[in-house]
Amino acid sequence: IWHCNGGGNQSWNWEADQEVTVYASKCLTIGGTGAAGDPVIITDCAGTANQKWTLNGDKTVTSGADATLCLAATSSGVKVETCSGVAEQTWAKG
């Protein structure tokens, strides 16, 4: 996690197929086994469930592979965690 600087690595796009992309062809992807605590990484887009995301009315972003997992900004990076509504799981679409 870095301060906003306008770099290309901070310009994410919400796609109609529920992928979140950066650099045109890279996707926000759940790494590891897809369990709570796993990191979120950038990989080539492949259309897999671990690259699908849902932006919810409460401003959480849930995994398309497991709707009980929320995108979270933690002190050790971006991860998926069990959804609990904490501030670290709240996102804004600008």
N, C-alpha and C. Protein backbone atom coordinates (compact mmCIF):
# COMPACT_ATOMS: atom_id res chain seq x y z
N ILE A 1 0.85 -1.17 0.00
CA ILE A 1 0.00 0.00 0.00
C ILE A 1 0.90 1.24 0.00
N TRP A 2 0.61 2.16 -0.92
CA TRP A 2 1.40 3.39 -1.05
C TRP A 2 0.46 4.59 -1.06
N HIS A 3 1.02 5.75 -0.80
CA HIS A 3 0.27 6.99 -0.96
C HIS A 3 -0.07 7.16 -2.44
N CYS A 4 -1.18 7.80 -2.72
CA CYS A 4 -1.57 8.05 -4.11
C CYS A 4 -0.54 8.94 -4.78
N ASN A 5 -0.12 8.54 -6.00
CA ASN A 5 0.86 9.33 -6.74
C ASN A 5 0.52 9.47 -8.21
N GLY A 6 -0.64 8.95 -8.62
CA GLY A 6 -1.07 9.08 -10.01
C GLY A 6 -0.39 8.12 -10.96
N GLY A 7 0.38 7.18 -10.45
CA GLY A 7 1.07 6.21 -11.30
C GLY A 7 0.12 5.22 -11.96
N GLY A 8 0.57 4.65 -13.06
CA GLY A 8 -0.24 3.67 -13.78
C GLY A 8 -0.61 2.47 -12.93
N ASN A 9 0.23 2.14 -11.96
CA ASN A 9 -0.06 1.01 -11.08
C ASN A 9 -1.17 1.33 -10.09
N GLN A 10 -1.63 2.59 -10.06
CA GLN A 10 -2.71 2.98 -9.17
C GLN A 10 -3.98 3.32 -9.93
N SER A 11 -4.01 3.03 -11.20
CA SER A 11 -5.19 3.28 -12.03
C SER A 11 -5.84 1.95 -12.38
N TRP A 12 -6.87 1.62 -11.63
CA TRP A 12 -7.56 0.33 -11.78
C TRP A 12 -8.87 0.53 -12.52
N ASN A 13 -9.27 -0.46 -13.28
CA ASN A 13 -10.51 -0.38 -14.06
C ASN A 13 -11.45 -1.50 -13.66
N TRP A 14 -12.71 -1.14 -13.42
CA TRP A 14 -13.75 -2.12 -13.12
C TRP A 14 -14.34 -2.56 -14.45
N GLU A 15 -14.20 -3.81 -14.82
CA GLU A 15 -14.66 -4.32 -16.11
C GLU A 15 -16.04 -4.95 -15.99
N ALA A 16 -16.77 -4.99 -17.09
CA ALA A 16 -18.13 -5.53 -17.12
C ALA A 16 -18.17 -7.00 -16.71
N ASP A 17 -17.07 -7.72 -16.93
CA ASP A 17 -17.04 -9.15 -16.57
C ASP A 17 -16.60 -9.38 -15.13
N GLN A 18 -16.61 -8.33 -14.31
CA GLN A 18 -16.27 -8.35 -12.88
C GLN A 18 -14.79 -8.50 -12.59
N GLU A 19 -13.96 -8.29 -13.59
CA GLU A 19 -12.52 -8.26 -13.34
C GLU A 19 -12.12 -6.83 -13.00
N VAL A 20 -11.07 -6.69 -12.20
CA VAL A 20 -10.48 -5.40 -11.88
C VAL A 20 -9.10 -5.43 -12.52
N THR A 21 -8.88 -4.53 -13.51
CA THR A 21 -7.65 -4.60 -14.29
C THR A 21 -6.74 -3.39 -14.07
N VAL A 22 -5.47 -3.61 -14.35
CA VAL A 22 -4.44 -2.58 -14.33
C VAL A 22 -3.51 -2.89 -15.51
N TYR A 23 -2.89 -1.88 -16.07
CA TYR A 23 -2.00 -2.06 -17.22
C TYR A 23 -2.70 -2.77 -18.37
N ALA A 24 -3.99 -2.61 -18.52
CA ALA A 24 -4.82 -3.13 -19.61
C ALA A 24 -5.02 -4.65 -19.61
N SER A 25 -4.03 -5.43 -19.25
CA SER A 25 -4.18 -6.89 -19.37
C SER A 25 -3.85 -7.66 -18.10
N LYS A 26 -3.68 -6.97 -17.00
CA LYS A 26 -3.37 -7.62 -15.72
C LYS A 26 -4.59 -7.52 -14.81
N CYS A 27 -4.82 -8.55 -14.01
CA CYS A 27 -5.99 -8.62 -13.15
C CYS A 27 -5.63 -8.72 -11.67
N LEU A 28 -6.49 -8.15 -10.85
CA LEU A 28 -6.41 -8.32 -9.41
C LEU A 28 -6.83 -9.76 -9.12
N THR A 29 -5.95 -10.52 -8.48
CA THR A 29 -6.12 -11.97 -8.34
C THR A 29 -5.84 -12.41 -6.91
N ILE A 30 -6.68 -13.31 -6.40
CA ILE A 30 -6.39 -13.90 -5.09
C ILE A 30 -5.30 -14.94 -5.28
N GLY A 31 -4.20 -14.78 -4.54
CA GLY A 31 -3.11 -15.74 -4.60
C GLY A 31 -3.33 -16.86 -3.59
N GLY A 32 -2.37 -17.73 -3.49
CA GLY A 32 -2.46 -18.82 -2.52
C GLY A 32 -3.57 -19.79 -2.84
N THR A 33 -4.23 -20.26 -1.80
CA THR A 33 -5.29 -21.27 -1.97
C THR A 33 -6.67 -20.66 -2.07
N GLY A 34 -6.74 -19.32 -1.98
CA GLY A 34 -8.03 -18.64 -2.04
C GLY A 34 -8.73 -18.61 -0.70
N ALA A 35 -7.97 -18.66 0.37
CA ALA A 35 -8.53 -18.67 1.72
C ALA A 35 -8.30 -17.33 2.41
N ALA A 36 -9.03 -17.10 3.48
CA ALA A 36 -8.85 -15.89 4.28
C ALA A 36 -7.39 -15.75 4.67
N GLY A 37 -6.85 -14.54 4.50
CA GLY A 37 -5.46 -14.26 4.81
C GLY A 37 -4.54 -14.34 3.61
N ASP A 38 -5.03 -14.87 2.50
CA ASP A 38 -4.19 -14.98 1.30
C ASP A 38 -3.98 -13.60 0.67
N PRO A 39 -2.83 -13.38 0.06
CA PRO A 39 -2.55 -12.09 -0.57
C PRO A 39 -3.33 -11.92 -1.86
N VAL A 40 -3.50 -10.66 -2.24
CA VAL A 40 -4.07 -10.33 -3.54
C VAL A 40 -2.91 -9.84 -4.39
N ILE A 41 -2.78 -10.42 -5.58
CA ILE A 41 -1.64 -10.15 -6.45
C ILE A 41 -2.13 -9.70 -7.82
N ILE A 42 -1.20 -9.27 -8.65
CA ILE A 42 -1.49 -8.88 -10.03
C ILE A 42 -0.95 -9.98 -10.94
N THR A 43 -1.84 -10.55 -11.77
CA THR A 43 -1.43 -11.60 -12.70
C THR A 43 -2.10 -11.37 -14.05
N ASP A 44 -1.70 -12.14 -15.06
CA ASP A 44 -2.38 -12.09 -16.35
C ASP A 44 -3.84 -12.46 -16.16
N CYS A 45 -4.72 -11.77 -16.86
CA CYS A 45 -6.14 -12.08 -16.79
C CYS A 45 -6.42 -13.42 -17.46
N ALA A 46 -7.18 -14.26 -16.78
CA ALA A 46 -7.50 -15.59 -17.32
C ALA A 46 -8.99 -15.91 -17.20
N GLY A 47 -9.77 -14.99 -16.62
CA GLY A 47 -11.20 -15.21 -16.49
C GLY A 47 -11.59 -16.17 -15.38
N THR A 48 -10.67 -16.47 -14.47
CA THR A 48 -10.95 -17.42 -13.41
C THR A 48 -11.72 -16.78 -12.27
N ALA A 49 -12.36 -17.60 -11.46
CA ALA A 49 -13.19 -17.10 -10.35
C ALA A 49 -12.38 -16.28 -9.35
N ASN A 50 -11.10 -16.59 -9.18
CA ASN A 50 -10.28 -15.84 -8.22
C ASN A 50 -9.87 -14.47 -8.76
N GLN A 51 -10.36 -14.11 -9.97
CA GLN A 51 -10.14 -12.79 -10.56
C GLN A 51 -11.44 -12.00 -10.69
N LYS A 52 -12.52 -12.54 -10.16
CA LYS A 52 -13.84 -11.88 -10.23
C LYS A 52 -14.13 -11.20 -8.89
N TRP A 53 -14.72 -10.01 -8.95
CA TRP A 53 -14.99 -9.21 -7.76
C TRP A 53 -16.36 -8.57 -7.86
N THR A 54 -17.00 -8.38 -6.70
CA THR A 54 -18.29 -7.70 -6.65
C THR A 54 -18.17 -6.51 -5.72
N LEU A 55 -18.53 -5.32 -6.25
CA LEU A 55 -18.58 -4.11 -5.44
C LEU A 55 -19.97 -4.04 -4.83
N ASN A 56 -20.05 -4.09 -3.51
CA ASN A 56 -21.32 -4.15 -2.79
C ASN A 56 -21.77 -2.76 -2.34
N GLY A 57 -23.06 -2.65 -2.03
CA GLY A 57 -23.64 -1.39 -1.58
C GLY A 57 -23.00 -0.84 -0.32
N ASP A 58 -22.43 -1.70 0.51
CA ASP A 58 -21.78 -1.24 1.74
C ASP A 58 -20.31 -0.88 1.51
N LYS A 59 -19.90 -0.80 0.23
CA LYS A 59 -18.55 -0.44 -0.21
C LYS A 59 -17.50 -1.50 0.08
N THR A 60 -17.92 -2.72 0.38
CA THR A 60 -16.98 -3.82 0.45
C THR A 60 -16.85 -4.41 -0.95
N VAL A 61 -15.75 -5.12 -1.19
CA VAL A 61 -15.52 -5.80 -2.46
C VAL A 61 -15.34 -7.27 -2.11
N THR A 62 -16.25 -8.11 -2.60
CA THR A 62 -16.19 -9.53 -2.29
C THR A 62 -15.66 -10.34 -3.46
N SER A 63 -15.08 -11.46 -3.14
CA SER A 63 -14.50 -12.36 -4.12
C SER A 63 -15.58 -13.09 -4.89
N GLY A 64 -15.38 -13.24 -6.20
CA GLY A 64 -16.29 -14.02 -7.02
C GLY A 64 -16.15 -15.51 -6.76
N ALA A 65 -15.01 -15.91 -6.20
CA ALA A 65 -14.78 -17.32 -5.89
C ALA A 65 -15.39 -17.70 -4.55
N ASP A 66 -15.50 -16.74 -3.62
CA ASP A 66 -16.03 -17.01 -2.29
C ASP A 66 -16.57 -15.70 -1.72
N ALA A 67 -17.87 -15.52 -1.75
CA ALA A 67 -18.50 -14.26 -1.34
C ALA A 67 -18.36 -13.96 0.14
N THR A 68 -17.78 -14.87 0.92
CA THR A 68 -17.54 -14.57 2.34
C THR A 68 -16.19 -13.88 2.54
N LEU A 69 -15.42 -13.74 1.45
CA LEU A 69 -14.10 -13.11 1.52
C LEU A 69 -14.16 -11.70 0.95
N CYS A 70 -13.62 -10.74 1.71
CA CYS A 70 -13.59 -9.34 1.30
C CYS A 70 -12.15 -8.88 1.03
N LEU A 71 -12.02 -7.99 0.07
CA LEU A 71 -10.75 -7.34 -0.20
C LEU A 71 -10.42 -6.43 0.98
N ALA A 72 -9.20 -6.52 1.51
CA ALA A 72 -8.84 -5.76 2.70
C ALA A 72 -7.44 -5.17 2.56
N ALA A 73 -7.30 -3.91 2.97
CA ALA A 73 -5.99 -3.25 3.02
C ALA A 73 -5.43 -3.47 4.42
N THR A 74 -4.39 -4.26 4.52
CA THR A 74 -3.81 -4.58 5.83
C THR A 74 -2.42 -3.96 5.94
N SER A 75 -1.85 -4.01 7.12
CA SER A 75 -0.51 -3.46 7.32
C SER A 75 0.54 -4.23 6.53
N SER A 76 0.22 -5.44 6.11
CA SER A 76 1.18 -6.23 5.33
C SER A 76 0.78 -6.38 3.86
N GLY A 77 -0.12 -5.52 3.39
CA GLY A 77 -0.52 -5.55 1.99
C GLY A 77 -1.99 -5.80 1.81
N VAL A 78 -2.41 -5.94 0.56
CA VAL A 78 -3.81 -6.21 0.25
C VAL A 78 -4.02 -7.72 0.29
N LYS A 79 -5.06 -8.11 1.01
CA LYS A 79 -5.37 -9.53 1.20
C LYS A 79 -6.87 -9.74 1.10
N VAL A 80 -7.30 -10.98 1.12
CA VAL A 80 -8.71 -11.29 1.32
C VAL A 80 -8.86 -11.77 2.76
N GLU A 81 -9.90 -11.29 3.39
CA GLU A 81 -10.21 -11.67 4.77
C GLU A 81 -11.69 -11.97 4.87
N THR A 82 -12.07 -12.72 5.88
CA THR A 82 -13.48 -12.97 6.11
C THR A 82 -14.18 -11.63 6.31
N CYS A 83 -15.26 -11.40 5.58
CA CYS A 83 -15.97 -10.13 5.63
C CYS A 83 -16.48 -9.87 7.04
N SER A 84 -16.16 -8.67 7.54
CA SER A 84 -16.60 -8.30 8.89
C SER A 84 -17.05 -6.85 8.98
N GLY A 85 -16.93 -6.11 7.88
CA GLY A 85 -17.38 -4.73 7.86
C GLY A 85 -16.42 -3.72 8.46
N VAL A 86 -15.19 -4.13 8.77
CA VAL A 86 -14.22 -3.19 9.34
C VAL A 86 -13.78 -2.19 8.26
N ALA A 87 -13.24 -1.06 8.70
CA ALA A 87 -12.85 0.01 7.78
C ALA A 87 -11.86 -0.46 6.71
N GLU A 88 -10.98 -1.38 7.06
CA GLU A 88 -9.98 -1.88 6.11
C GLU A 88 -10.60 -2.63 4.93
N GLN A 89 -11.88 -2.96 5.03
CA GLN A 89 -12.57 -3.66 3.97
C GLN A 89 -13.50 -2.75 3.17
N THR A 90 -13.39 -1.45 3.39
CA THR A 90 -14.25 -0.48 2.71
C THR A 90 -13.47 0.22 1.61
N TRP A 91 -14.06 0.27 0.42
CA TRP A 91 -13.39 0.82 -0.76
C TRP A 91 -14.30 1.83 -1.45
N ALA A 92 -13.73 2.71 -2.22
CA ALA A 92 -14.50 3.69 -2.98
C ALA A 92 -14.16 3.55 -4.45
N LYS A 93 -15.16 3.69 -5.27
CA LYS A 93 -14.99 3.65 -6.72
C LYS A 93 -15.06 5.09 -7.21
N GLY A 94 -13.95 5.59 -7.75
CA GLY A 94 -13.88 6.99 -8.10
C GLY A 94 -14.20 7.32 -9.50
